[in-house]
Amino acid sequence: MKIYRFLEDGPRPTKIVAVGRNYAEHAKELGNEPPSEPIIFLKPPSALLPHEGTIIRPPQSERVDHEGELAMVIGKRARNVKAASWRDFVKGFTCANDVTARDLQKKDVQFTRGKSFDTFCPIGPCIETDLDPADLSLVTRVNGQIRQNGRTSMMIFPCSTLIEFITGVMSLEPGDVILTGTPAGVGPLQSGDTVEVEIEGIGTLRNHVA
C-alpha cells in the first residue's frame, strides 16, 4: 500500500540516519575500502525536500553530487532491535537522494557539513508499506540520462543488519528515516538539471536543481 504526500502524512522525522559506503563499488569509486561494519552519520531534518522540490546548490561548494538511495521509514519506537525482527519496526520504504557537497566532504574529512545543507535530502514521492527490499532495481537519472544503475541486493549490510546496528546506538522514533547507501555512479548536479531516483516497486522521486 502506498501512503502519499510523504512529508505530510504522519510525523516528521526527528533525525535522518544515513549509511556510508554500503555498496562496495561506490566505496571504491571514492577511493575507500568497503567497511567491516556500517558507517553511519546524521543529516538534519532541515535538509528534507519533497518530491518535485528544488535542490539549491550552496555558494560554499563547487561540486554537488547526487546519491540515489533506498530509504526506510520507522513506524514505531525502536531500541536494541534484533535483526530477526527488524521488519516489525519499519513502516515502509521510499526513494531518497543523499545530496552531497563532495568538495566540502573531502575538505572536512567527516560528513556533516557536506551532507547537511537545506534541500540536501529529497525524499518521496510516497511510502510503500508492502515491499520486500532485498533485491530492487535502483536507477538515478540526470536530465533523462542514467547515472546510477544498481540493485539493493548489492548492499554490503542489508536492512536487517542496519536496523540492529543503528538501534544498538540510538533510539529511533516514528517517522525517523534511514538512508541505506548509494550504488556506484555518483556524479555532479548543475543548475537547471532534473534528477530522478527510481526504485522498483516504489516509484520515482524527481527534483530540480538551482
N, C-alpha and C. Protein backbone atom coordinates (compact mmCIF):
# COMPACT_ATOMS: atom_id res chain seq x y z
N MET A 1 0.84 -1.20 0.00
CA MET A 1 0.00 0.00 0.00
C MET A 1 0.87 1.24 0.00
N LYS A 2 0.55 2.20 -0.85
CA LYS A 2 1.30 3.45 -0.91
C LYS A 2 0.61 4.53 -0.07
N ILE A 3 1.40 5.21 0.74
CA ILE A 3 0.92 6.36 1.52
C ILE A 3 1.54 7.59 0.88
N TYR A 4 0.72 8.45 0.29
CA TYR A 4 1.25 9.58 -0.48
C TYR A 4 1.53 10.79 0.42
N ARG A 5 2.12 11.81 -0.20
CA ARG A 5 2.49 13.05 0.49
C ARG A 5 3.36 12.72 1.70
N PHE A 6 4.54 12.15 1.41
CA PHE A 6 5.41 11.63 2.47
C PHE A 6 5.60 12.60 3.62
N LEU A 7 5.91 13.85 3.35
CA LEU A 7 6.22 14.80 4.42
C LEU A 7 4.97 15.36 5.10
N GLU A 8 3.78 14.99 4.60
CA GLU A 8 2.55 15.49 5.21
C GLU A 8 1.80 14.40 5.98
N ASP A 9 1.96 13.15 5.62
CA ASP A 9 1.27 12.05 6.29
C ASP A 9 2.15 11.50 7.41
N GLY A 10 1.69 11.62 8.64
CA GLY A 10 2.44 11.07 9.76
C GLY A 10 3.46 12.03 10.31
N PRO A 11 4.21 11.62 11.33
CA PRO A 11 5.16 12.51 12.00
C PRO A 11 6.38 12.81 11.15
N ARG A 12 6.89 14.02 11.27
CA ARG A 12 8.16 14.35 10.64
C ARG A 12 9.28 13.67 11.40
N PRO A 13 10.35 13.31 10.73
CA PRO A 13 11.45 12.62 11.42
C PRO A 13 12.16 13.52 12.42
N THR A 14 12.55 12.94 13.54
CA THR A 14 13.41 13.65 14.49
C THR A 14 14.86 13.62 14.02
N LYS A 15 15.19 12.64 13.17
CA LYS A 15 16.55 12.51 12.65
C LYS A 15 16.54 11.67 11.38
N ILE A 16 17.57 11.88 10.58
CA ILE A 16 17.81 11.10 9.37
C ILE A 16 19.16 10.43 9.55
N VAL A 17 19.16 9.12 9.64
CA VAL A 17 20.39 8.36 9.82
C VAL A 17 20.81 7.82 8.46
N ALA A 18 21.98 8.20 8.00
CA ALA A 18 22.46 7.76 6.69
C ALA A 18 23.61 6.78 6.86
N VAL A 19 23.74 5.90 5.87
CA VAL A 19 24.77 4.86 5.90
C VAL A 19 25.74 5.12 4.75
N GLY A 20 27.01 5.23 5.07
CA GLY A 20 28.04 5.49 4.07
C GLY A 20 28.70 4.22 3.58
N ARG A 21 29.08 4.22 2.31
CA ARG A 21 29.88 3.15 1.72
C ARG A 21 29.24 1.77 1.87
N ASN A 22 27.92 1.71 1.66
CA ASN A 22 27.22 0.43 1.83
C ASN A 22 27.14 -0.36 0.53
N TYR A 23 27.71 0.17 -0.55
CA TYR A 23 27.85 -0.58 -1.80
C TYR A 23 29.34 -0.60 -2.12
N ALA A 24 29.90 -1.79 -2.33
CA ALA A 24 31.36 -1.91 -2.48
C ALA A 24 31.89 -1.08 -3.63
N GLU A 25 31.19 -1.06 -4.78
CA GLU A 25 31.69 -0.32 -5.93
C GLU A 25 31.67 1.19 -5.70
N HIS A 26 30.69 1.66 -4.91
CA HIS A 26 30.68 3.09 -4.58
C HIS A 26 31.86 3.44 -3.67
N ALA A 27 32.14 2.58 -2.70
CA ALA A 27 33.30 2.82 -1.83
C ALA A 27 34.57 2.92 -2.67
N LYS A 28 34.69 2.02 -3.64
CA LYS A 28 35.90 2.00 -4.48
C LYS A 28 36.00 3.24 -5.36
N GLU A 29 34.86 3.73 -5.88
CA GLU A 29 34.93 4.88 -6.79
C GLU A 29 35.37 6.14 -6.07
N LEU A 30 35.22 6.17 -4.75
CA LEU A 30 35.69 7.31 -3.96
C LEU A 30 37.03 7.04 -3.29
N GLY A 31 37.64 5.90 -3.65
CA GLY A 31 38.97 5.58 -3.13
C GLY A 31 38.98 4.99 -1.73
N ASN A 32 37.87 4.37 -1.33
CA ASN A 32 37.76 3.80 0.01
C ASN A 32 37.58 2.29 -0.05
N GLU A 33 38.02 1.61 1.01
CA GLU A 33 37.79 0.18 1.13
C GLU A 33 36.38 -0.06 1.67
N PRO A 34 35.73 -1.14 1.25
CA PRO A 34 34.43 -1.48 1.85
C PRO A 34 34.58 -1.67 3.36
N PRO A 35 33.63 -1.14 4.15
CA PRO A 35 33.76 -1.18 5.60
C PRO A 35 33.45 -2.56 6.18
N SER A 36 33.98 -2.81 7.37
CA SER A 36 33.73 -4.08 8.06
C SER A 36 32.48 -4.01 8.93
N GLU A 37 31.98 -2.82 9.20
CA GLU A 37 30.72 -2.61 9.90
C GLU A 37 30.10 -1.33 9.36
N PRO A 38 28.79 -1.14 9.54
CA PRO A 38 28.15 0.05 8.96
C PRO A 38 28.79 1.35 9.43
N ILE A 39 28.93 2.28 8.49
CA ILE A 39 29.36 3.64 8.80
C ILE A 39 28.12 4.52 8.79
N ILE A 40 27.79 5.12 9.91
CA ILE A 40 26.57 5.92 9.98
C ILE A 40 26.90 7.38 10.27
N PHE A 41 26.04 8.25 9.77
CA PHE A 41 26.14 9.68 10.05
C PHE A 41 24.72 10.24 10.02
N LEU A 42 24.57 11.49 10.45
CA LEU A 42 23.26 12.12 10.53
C LEU A 42 23.12 13.25 9.53
N LYS A 43 21.92 13.37 8.96
CA LYS A 43 21.52 14.55 8.21
C LYS A 43 20.40 15.21 9.00
N PRO A 44 20.34 16.53 9.06
CA PRO A 44 19.31 17.19 9.86
C PRO A 44 17.95 17.17 9.16
N PRO A 45 16.86 17.16 9.92
CA PRO A 45 15.53 17.26 9.30
C PRO A 45 15.36 18.51 8.44
N SER A 46 16.12 19.56 8.72
CA SER A 46 16.03 20.77 7.92
C SER A 46 16.52 20.57 6.49
N ALA A 47 17.18 19.44 6.21
CA ALA A 47 17.64 19.14 4.86
C ALA A 47 16.54 18.52 3.99
N LEU A 48 15.41 18.14 4.59
CA LEU A 48 14.36 17.45 3.85
C LEU A 48 13.79 18.32 2.72
N LEU A 49 13.49 17.64 1.63
CA LEU A 49 12.91 18.30 0.45
C LEU A 49 11.90 17.35 -0.16
N PRO A 50 10.69 17.80 -0.49
CA PRO A 50 9.68 16.90 -1.05
C PRO A 50 9.91 16.61 -2.54
N HIS A 51 9.21 15.63 -3.02
CA HIS A 51 9.13 15.32 -4.45
C HIS A 51 8.77 16.58 -5.23
N GLU A 52 9.49 16.83 -6.31
CA GLU A 52 9.34 17.99 -7.19
C GLU A 52 9.87 19.29 -6.59
N GLY A 53 10.46 19.23 -5.39
CA GLY A 53 11.10 20.40 -4.82
C GLY A 53 12.43 20.70 -5.51
N THR A 54 13.02 21.85 -5.17
CA THR A 54 14.24 22.30 -5.83
C THR A 54 15.45 22.21 -4.91
N ILE A 55 16.46 21.49 -5.37
CA ILE A 55 17.74 21.39 -4.66
C ILE A 55 18.52 22.68 -4.93
N ILE A 56 18.96 23.32 -3.87
CA ILE A 56 19.71 24.58 -4.00
C ILE A 56 21.20 24.31 -3.81
N ARG A 57 21.98 24.59 -4.84
CA ARG A 57 23.44 24.46 -4.73
C ARG A 57 23.98 25.61 -3.88
N PRO A 58 24.66 25.30 -2.77
CA PRO A 58 25.15 26.38 -1.89
C PRO A 58 26.38 27.06 -2.48
N PRO A 59 26.56 28.34 -2.22
CA PRO A 59 27.71 29.06 -2.78
C PRO A 59 29.04 28.57 -2.22
N GLN A 60 29.01 27.86 -1.09
CA GLN A 60 30.26 27.36 -0.50
C GLN A 60 30.86 26.20 -1.26
N SER A 61 30.09 25.58 -2.15
CA SER A 61 30.53 24.35 -2.80
C SER A 61 30.60 24.51 -4.32
N GLU A 62 31.62 23.89 -4.93
CA GLU A 62 31.75 23.87 -6.37
C GLU A 62 31.39 22.50 -6.96
N ARG A 63 31.11 21.50 -6.10
CA ARG A 63 30.79 20.15 -6.59
C ARG A 63 29.69 19.56 -5.70
N VAL A 64 28.47 19.54 -6.24
CA VAL A 64 27.33 18.97 -5.53
C VAL A 64 26.90 17.70 -6.28
N ASP A 65 26.91 16.58 -5.60
CA ASP A 65 26.64 15.28 -6.21
C ASP A 65 25.28 14.73 -5.82
N HIS A 66 24.72 13.90 -6.71
CA HIS A 66 23.53 13.10 -6.39
C HIS A 66 23.97 11.75 -5.82
N GLU A 67 23.14 11.18 -4.96
CA GLU A 67 23.34 9.83 -4.45
C GLU A 67 21.96 9.21 -4.25
N GLY A 68 21.47 8.46 -5.23
CA GLY A 68 20.18 7.82 -5.11
C GLY A 68 20.20 6.67 -4.11
N GLU A 69 19.17 6.60 -3.27
CA GLU A 69 19.17 5.60 -2.20
C GLU A 69 17.77 5.09 -1.88
N LEU A 70 17.70 3.86 -1.38
CA LEU A 70 16.50 3.34 -0.75
C LEU A 70 16.45 3.86 0.68
N ALA A 71 15.30 4.35 1.10
CA ALA A 71 15.13 4.85 2.47
C ALA A 71 14.10 4.01 3.21
N MET A 72 14.37 3.76 4.48
CA MET A 72 13.42 3.11 5.38
C MET A 72 12.79 4.16 6.28
N VAL A 73 11.49 4.07 6.50
CA VAL A 73 10.78 4.97 7.40
C VAL A 73 10.33 4.16 8.62
N ILE A 74 10.72 4.64 9.80
CA ILE A 74 10.42 3.91 11.04
C ILE A 74 8.96 4.09 11.43
N GLY A 75 8.34 3.01 11.89
CA GLY A 75 6.91 3.03 12.24
C GLY A 75 6.64 3.10 13.72
N LYS A 76 7.55 2.60 14.54
CA LYS A 76 7.36 2.68 15.99
C LYS A 76 8.72 2.73 16.67
N ARG A 77 8.71 3.16 17.93
CA ARG A 77 9.97 3.38 18.63
C ARG A 77 10.80 2.11 18.65
N ALA A 78 12.08 2.25 18.32
CA ALA A 78 12.96 1.09 18.17
C ALA A 78 14.25 1.32 18.93
N ARG A 79 14.59 0.35 19.77
CA ARG A 79 15.84 0.40 20.53
C ARG A 79 16.30 -1.03 20.75
N ASN A 80 17.57 -1.30 20.41
CA ASN A 80 18.16 -2.64 20.58
C ASN A 80 17.32 -3.72 19.89
N VAL A 81 16.96 -3.45 18.65
CA VAL A 81 16.17 -4.40 17.86
C VAL A 81 17.08 -5.47 17.29
N LYS A 82 16.67 -6.71 17.37
CA LYS A 82 17.42 -7.81 16.77
C LYS A 82 17.09 -7.89 15.28
N ALA A 83 18.07 -8.32 14.50
CA ALA A 83 17.91 -8.37 13.06
C ALA A 83 16.70 -9.19 12.64
N ALA A 84 16.41 -10.24 13.38
CA ALA A 84 15.31 -11.14 13.01
C ALA A 84 13.94 -10.45 13.07
N SER A 85 13.81 -9.38 13.84
CA SER A 85 12.51 -8.71 14.00
C SER A 85 12.51 -7.30 13.42
N TRP A 86 13.46 -6.99 12.57
CA TRP A 86 13.62 -5.62 12.07
C TRP A 86 12.37 -5.10 11.38
N ARG A 87 11.67 -5.97 10.65
CA ARG A 87 10.55 -5.51 9.84
C ARG A 87 9.38 -5.02 10.70
N ASP A 88 9.30 -5.46 11.95
CA ASP A 88 8.22 -5.03 12.83
C ASP A 88 8.30 -3.54 13.14
N PHE A 89 9.45 -2.92 12.91
CA PHE A 89 9.67 -1.53 13.30
C PHE A 89 9.72 -0.57 12.11
N VAL A 90 9.57 -1.11 10.91
CA VAL A 90 9.65 -0.29 9.70
C VAL A 90 8.26 -0.10 9.11
N LYS A 91 7.87 1.18 8.97
CA LYS A 91 6.57 1.50 8.38
C LYS A 91 6.56 1.20 6.89
N GLY A 92 7.65 1.53 6.21
CA GLY A 92 7.72 1.29 4.79
C GLY A 92 8.98 1.87 4.18
N PHE A 93 8.97 2.00 2.86
CA PHE A 93 10.17 2.34 2.10
C PHE A 93 9.85 3.45 1.10
N THR A 94 10.86 4.26 0.81
CA THR A 94 10.68 5.32 -0.17
C THR A 94 12.01 5.60 -0.86
N CYS A 95 11.99 6.53 -1.79
CA CYS A 95 13.20 6.94 -2.53
C CYS A 95 13.82 8.15 -1.84
N ALA A 96 15.13 8.23 -1.91
CA ALA A 96 15.82 9.38 -1.33
C ALA A 96 17.04 9.72 -2.17
N ASN A 97 17.52 10.94 -1.99
CA ASN A 97 18.72 11.42 -2.67
C ASN A 97 19.61 12.07 -1.60
N ASP A 98 20.70 11.40 -1.28
CA ASP A 98 21.63 11.91 -0.26
C ASP A 98 22.56 12.92 -0.93
N VAL A 99 22.02 14.10 -1.22
CA VAL A 99 22.79 15.14 -1.93
C VAL A 99 24.01 15.52 -1.09
N THR A 100 25.14 15.66 -1.77
CA THR A 100 26.42 15.83 -1.06
C THR A 100 27.28 16.90 -1.73
N ALA A 101 27.76 17.84 -0.94
CA ALA A 101 28.78 18.78 -1.42
C ALA A 101 30.12 18.05 -1.32
N ARG A 102 30.50 17.41 -2.42
CA ARG A 102 31.64 16.48 -2.38
C ARG A 102 32.94 17.17 -2.02
N ASP A 103 33.15 18.37 -2.52
CA ASP A 103 34.40 19.06 -2.22
C ASP A 103 34.50 19.39 -0.73
N LEU A 104 33.39 19.75 -0.12
CA LEU A 104 33.41 20.05 1.31
C LEU A 104 33.57 18.79 2.14
N GLN A 105 32.97 17.70 1.69
CA GLN A 105 33.15 16.42 2.39
C GLN A 105 34.62 16.02 2.40
N LYS A 106 35.28 16.16 1.27
CA LYS A 106 36.70 15.81 1.20
C LYS A 106 37.55 16.77 2.03
N LYS A 107 37.19 18.03 2.02
CA LYS A 107 37.95 19.02 2.78
C LYS A 107 37.83 18.80 4.28
N ASP A 108 36.60 18.51 4.73
CA ASP A 108 36.35 18.37 6.16
C ASP A 108 36.71 17.00 6.71
N VAL A 109 36.84 16.01 5.85
CA VAL A 109 37.07 14.60 6.20
C VAL A 109 35.78 13.94 6.70
N GLN A 110 35.15 14.53 7.72
CA GLN A 110 33.87 13.98 8.19
C GLN A 110 32.73 14.55 7.35
N PHE A 111 31.51 14.02 7.57
CA PHE A 111 30.44 14.20 6.60
C PHE A 111 29.48 15.36 6.87
N THR A 112 29.47 15.93 8.06
CA THR A 112 28.35 16.76 8.49
C THR A 112 28.07 17.94 7.55
N ARG A 113 29.04 18.79 7.32
CA ARG A 113 28.78 19.99 6.53
C ARG A 113 28.37 19.65 5.10
N GLY A 114 29.09 18.74 4.47
CA GLY A 114 28.83 18.43 3.08
C GLY A 114 27.50 17.75 2.82
N LYS A 115 26.88 17.22 3.86
CA LYS A 115 25.63 16.47 3.71
C LYS A 115 24.41 17.21 4.26
N SER A 116 24.59 18.38 4.86
CA SER A 116 23.54 18.93 5.73
C SER A 116 22.89 20.21 5.26
N PHE A 117 23.25 20.72 4.10
CA PHE A 117 22.62 21.97 3.64
C PHE A 117 21.11 21.77 3.47
N ASP A 118 20.37 22.85 3.64
CA ASP A 118 18.94 22.81 3.35
C ASP A 118 18.73 22.29 1.92
N THR A 119 17.73 21.47 1.73
CA THR A 119 17.33 20.83 0.47
C THR A 119 18.20 19.64 0.10
N PHE A 120 19.12 19.22 0.95
CA PHE A 120 20.06 18.15 0.61
C PHE A 120 19.54 16.76 0.95
N CYS A 121 18.25 16.64 1.27
CA CYS A 121 17.67 15.30 1.48
C CYS A 121 16.30 15.20 0.81
N PRO A 122 16.26 15.23 -0.52
CA PRO A 122 14.99 14.96 -1.21
C PRO A 122 14.49 13.56 -0.86
N ILE A 123 13.17 13.43 -0.68
CA ILE A 123 12.62 12.13 -0.29
C ILE A 123 11.18 12.03 -0.78
N GLY A 124 10.77 10.84 -1.19
CA GLY A 124 9.41 10.63 -1.68
C GLY A 124 9.42 9.75 -2.92
N PRO A 125 8.36 9.72 -3.71
CA PRO A 125 7.15 10.54 -3.57
C PRO A 125 6.13 9.96 -2.59
N CYS A 126 6.37 8.72 -2.13
CA CYS A 126 5.39 8.03 -1.30
C CYS A 126 6.12 7.04 -0.42
N ILE A 127 5.41 6.48 0.55
CA ILE A 127 5.92 5.37 1.33
C ILE A 127 5.20 4.11 0.85
N GLU A 128 5.97 3.10 0.48
CA GLU A 128 5.40 1.80 0.10
C GLU A 128 5.51 0.88 1.32
N THR A 129 4.38 0.49 1.88
CA THR A 129 4.37 -0.28 3.12
C THR A 129 4.48 -1.78 2.91
N ASP A 130 4.17 -2.26 1.70
CA ASP A 130 4.17 -3.69 1.43
C ASP A 130 5.21 -3.99 0.37
N LEU A 131 6.46 -4.21 0.80
CA LEU A 131 7.55 -4.34 -0.14
C LEU A 131 8.68 -5.15 0.48
N ASP A 132 9.27 -6.03 -0.29
CA ASP A 132 10.48 -6.74 0.11
C ASP A 132 11.67 -5.99 -0.49
N PRO A 133 12.52 -5.38 0.34
CA PRO A 133 13.59 -4.54 -0.18
C PRO A 133 14.86 -5.29 -0.56
N ALA A 134 14.83 -6.62 -0.54
CA ALA A 134 16.06 -7.40 -0.66
C ALA A 134 16.74 -7.26 -2.01
N ASP A 135 15.97 -7.11 -3.10
CA ASP A 135 16.58 -7.09 -4.43
C ASP A 135 15.74 -6.23 -5.36
N LEU A 136 15.89 -4.92 -5.24
CA LEU A 136 15.12 -3.96 -6.04
C LEU A 136 16.06 -3.18 -6.96
N SER A 137 15.59 -2.86 -8.14
CA SER A 137 16.33 -2.00 -9.05
C SER A 137 16.34 -0.58 -8.52
N LEU A 138 17.51 0.07 -8.58
CA LEU A 138 17.67 1.47 -8.15
C LEU A 138 18.40 2.21 -9.26
N VAL A 139 17.70 3.16 -9.88
CA VAL A 139 18.26 3.89 -11.01
C VAL A 139 18.18 5.39 -10.73
N THR A 140 19.29 6.09 -10.94
CA THR A 140 19.31 7.55 -10.84
C THR A 140 19.57 8.13 -12.23
N ARG A 141 18.74 9.08 -12.62
CA ARG A 141 18.88 9.75 -13.91
C ARG A 141 19.06 11.26 -13.71
N VAL A 142 19.88 11.85 -14.54
CA VAL A 142 20.02 13.30 -14.58
C VAL A 142 19.69 13.74 -16.00
N ASN A 143 18.65 14.57 -16.13
CA ASN A 143 18.17 15.01 -17.44
C ASN A 143 17.89 13.83 -18.37
N GLY A 144 17.35 12.76 -17.77
CA GLY A 144 16.97 11.58 -18.53
C GLY A 144 18.08 10.59 -18.79
N GLN A 145 19.31 10.93 -18.47
CA GLN A 145 20.46 10.05 -18.70
C GLN A 145 20.77 9.25 -17.44
N ILE A 146 20.94 7.94 -17.59
CA ILE A 146 21.21 7.08 -16.43
C ILE A 146 22.61 7.36 -15.88
N ARG A 147 22.68 7.66 -14.61
CA ARG A 147 23.95 7.87 -13.91
C ARG A 147 24.27 6.69 -12.97
N GLN A 148 23.24 6.19 -12.29
CA GLN A 148 23.42 5.07 -11.36
C GLN A 148 22.43 3.98 -11.74
N ASN A 149 22.90 2.74 -11.72
CA ASN A 149 22.05 1.61 -12.06
C ASN A 149 22.49 0.42 -11.22
N GLY A 150 21.83 0.22 -10.09
CA GLY A 150 22.23 -0.84 -9.17
C GLY A 150 21.02 -1.60 -8.66
N ARG A 151 21.28 -2.51 -7.73
CA ARG A 151 20.22 -3.27 -7.08
C ARG A 151 20.48 -3.29 -5.58
N THR A 152 19.42 -3.29 -4.82
CA THR A 152 19.59 -3.27 -3.36
C THR A 152 20.26 -4.54 -2.85
N SER A 153 20.24 -5.61 -3.63
CA SER A 153 20.94 -6.84 -3.23
C SER A 153 22.45 -6.65 -3.21
N MET A 154 22.93 -5.54 -3.76
CA MET A 154 24.37 -5.24 -3.77
C MET A 154 24.82 -4.56 -2.48
N MET A 155 23.88 -4.23 -1.58
CA MET A 155 24.28 -3.62 -0.32
C MET A 155 25.18 -4.55 0.48
N ILE A 156 26.21 -4.01 1.09
CA ILE A 156 27.08 -4.81 1.96
C ILE A 156 26.32 -5.24 3.21
N PHE A 157 25.59 -4.31 3.80
CA PHE A 157 24.80 -4.58 5.00
C PHE A 157 23.33 -4.41 4.67
N PRO A 158 22.53 -5.49 4.74
CA PRO A 158 21.11 -5.38 4.39
C PRO A 158 20.33 -4.62 5.44
N CYS A 159 19.06 -4.38 5.14
CA CYS A 159 18.22 -3.59 6.04
C CYS A 159 18.18 -4.17 7.45
N SER A 160 18.11 -5.47 7.57
CA SER A 160 18.04 -6.10 8.90
C SER A 160 19.26 -5.77 9.73
N THR A 161 20.44 -5.85 9.12
CA THR A 161 21.68 -5.54 9.83
C THR A 161 21.73 -4.06 10.21
N LEU A 162 21.29 -3.19 9.31
CA LEU A 162 21.31 -1.76 9.59
C LEU A 162 20.42 -1.41 10.78
N ILE A 163 19.22 -1.98 10.82
CA ILE A 163 18.31 -1.70 11.94
C ILE A 163 18.93 -2.16 13.26
N GLU A 164 19.49 -3.35 13.28
CA GLU A 164 20.10 -3.85 14.51
C GLU A 164 21.26 -2.97 14.93
N PHE A 165 22.12 -2.60 13.99
CA PHE A 165 23.30 -1.80 14.31
C PHE A 165 22.91 -0.41 14.81
N ILE A 166 22.03 0.27 14.07
CA ILE A 166 21.67 1.64 14.42
C ILE A 166 20.92 1.71 15.75
N THR A 167 19.97 0.78 15.98
CA THR A 167 19.21 0.82 17.24
C THR A 167 20.04 0.35 18.43
N GLY A 168 21.20 -0.24 18.17
CA GLY A 168 22.14 -0.51 19.25
C GLY A 168 22.90 0.73 19.68
N VAL A 169 22.82 1.78 18.85
CA VAL A 169 23.50 3.05 19.14
C VAL A 169 22.52 4.09 19.66
N MET A 170 21.35 4.19 19.03
CA MET A 170 20.40 5.25 19.36
C MET A 170 18.98 4.74 19.21
N SER A 171 18.06 5.38 19.91
CA SER A 171 16.64 5.08 19.74
C SER A 171 16.13 5.74 18.47
N LEU A 172 15.31 5.02 17.75
CA LEU A 172 14.64 5.55 16.57
C LEU A 172 13.18 5.79 16.90
N GLU A 173 12.66 6.92 16.47
CA GLU A 173 11.29 7.31 16.76
C GLU A 173 10.43 7.20 15.50
N PRO A 174 9.11 7.08 15.65
CA PRO A 174 8.23 7.03 14.48
C PRO A 174 8.47 8.23 13.55
N GLY A 175 8.62 7.93 12.28
CA GLY A 175 8.89 8.97 11.30
C GLY A 175 10.36 9.14 10.97
N ASP A 176 11.26 8.63 11.83
CA ASP A 176 12.69 8.72 11.53
C ASP A 176 13.00 7.97 10.24
N VAL A 177 14.06 8.40 9.56
CA VAL A 177 14.41 7.86 8.25
C VAL A 177 15.83 7.29 8.30
N ILE A 178 16.00 6.15 7.65
CA ILE A 178 17.33 5.58 7.44
C ILE A 178 17.60 5.55 5.95
N LEU A 179 18.68 6.20 5.52
CA LEU A 179 19.15 6.12 4.14
C LEU A 179 20.17 4.99 4.06
N THR A 180 19.93 4.03 3.17
CA THR A 180 20.66 2.76 3.23
C THR A 180 21.94 2.72 2.39
N GLY A 181 22.32 3.82 1.80
CA GLY A 181 23.55 3.84 1.00
C GLY A 181 23.25 3.93 -0.49
N THR A 182 24.28 4.27 -1.26
CA THR A 182 24.11 4.52 -2.70
C THR A 182 25.02 3.62 -3.52
N PRO A 183 24.54 3.14 -4.68
CA PRO A 183 25.42 2.37 -5.56
C PRO A 183 26.40 3.27 -6.30
N ALA A 184 27.28 2.65 -7.06
CA ALA A 184 28.29 3.39 -7.81
C ALA A 184 27.62 4.28 -8.86
N GLY A 185 28.36 5.32 -9.26
CA GLY A 185 27.90 6.20 -10.32
C GLY A 185 27.50 7.58 -9.86
N VAL A 186 27.86 7.95 -8.63
CA VAL A 186 27.52 9.29 -8.16
C VAL A 186 28.21 10.31 -9.05
N GLY A 187 27.56 11.48 -9.17
CA GLY A 187 28.14 12.49 -10.05
C GLY A 187 27.54 13.85 -9.81
N PRO A 188 28.06 14.88 -10.48
CA PRO A 188 27.70 16.26 -10.17
C PRO A 188 26.34 16.66 -10.71
N LEU A 189 25.74 17.62 -10.02
CA LEU A 189 24.49 18.26 -10.44
C LEU A 189 24.77 19.73 -10.74
N GLN A 190 24.17 20.23 -11.82
CA GLN A 190 24.34 21.62 -12.22
C GLN A 190 22.99 22.34 -12.16
N SER A 191 23.03 23.64 -12.01
CA SER A 191 21.80 24.42 -12.05
C SER A 191 21.06 24.16 -13.35
N GLY A 192 19.75 23.93 -13.26
CA GLY A 192 18.94 23.62 -14.42
C GLY A 192 18.71 22.14 -14.61
N ASP A 193 19.46 21.29 -13.91
CA ASP A 193 19.30 19.84 -14.03
C ASP A 193 17.99 19.37 -13.40
N THR A 194 17.50 18.24 -13.88
CA THR A 194 16.43 17.49 -13.22
C THR A 194 17.00 16.13 -12.87
N VAL A 195 16.90 15.76 -11.61
CA VAL A 195 17.43 14.48 -11.13
C VAL A 195 16.29 13.61 -10.65
N GLU A 196 16.33 12.33 -11.05
CA GLU A 196 15.29 11.38 -10.69
C GLU A 196 15.92 10.15 -10.06
N VAL A 197 15.30 9.67 -8.98
CA VAL A 197 15.68 8.42 -8.34
C VAL A 197 14.48 7.49 -8.45
N GLU A 198 14.64 6.41 -9.19
CA GLU A 198 13.56 5.45 -9.39
C GLU A 198 13.90 4.13 -8.73
N ILE A 199 13.00 3.64 -7.88
CA ILE A 199 13.19 2.36 -7.21
C ILE A 199 12.01 1.46 -7.53
N GLU A 200 12.34 0.27 -7.95
CA GLU A 200 11.34 -0.74 -8.30
C GLU A 200 10.33 -0.94 -7.16
N GLY A 201 9.06 -0.89 -7.49
CA GLY A 201 8.02 -1.12 -6.51
C GLY A 201 7.61 0.10 -5.71
N ILE A 202 8.35 1.20 -5.86
CA ILE A 202 8.03 2.44 -5.12
C ILE A 202 7.59 3.53 -6.09
N GLY A 203 8.43 3.88 -7.02
CA GLY A 203 8.13 4.95 -7.96
C GLY A 203 9.35 5.81 -8.20
N THR A 204 9.14 7.05 -8.59
CA THR A 204 10.22 7.94 -8.98
C THR A 204 10.17 9.24 -8.19
N LEU A 205 11.28 9.56 -7.53
CA LEU A 205 11.47 10.84 -6.86
C LEU A 205 12.12 11.79 -7.86
N ARG A 206 11.50 12.93 -8.09
CA ARG A 206 12.00 13.89 -9.07
C ARG A 206 12.24 15.24 -8.41
N ASN A 207 13.43 15.81 -8.68
CA ASN A 207 13.75 17.13 -8.13
C ASN A 207 14.53 17.94 -9.16
N HIS A 208 14.46 19.24 -9.01
CA HIS A 208 15.12 20.18 -9.90
C HIS A 208 16.29 20.82 -9.14
N VAL A 209 17.22 21.38 -9.88
CA VAL A 209 18.44 21.95 -9.28
C VAL A 209 18.54 23.41 -9.66
N ALA A 210 18.86 24.25 -8.69
CA ALA A 210 19.04 25.69 -8.95
C ALA A 210 20.21 26.21 -8.14
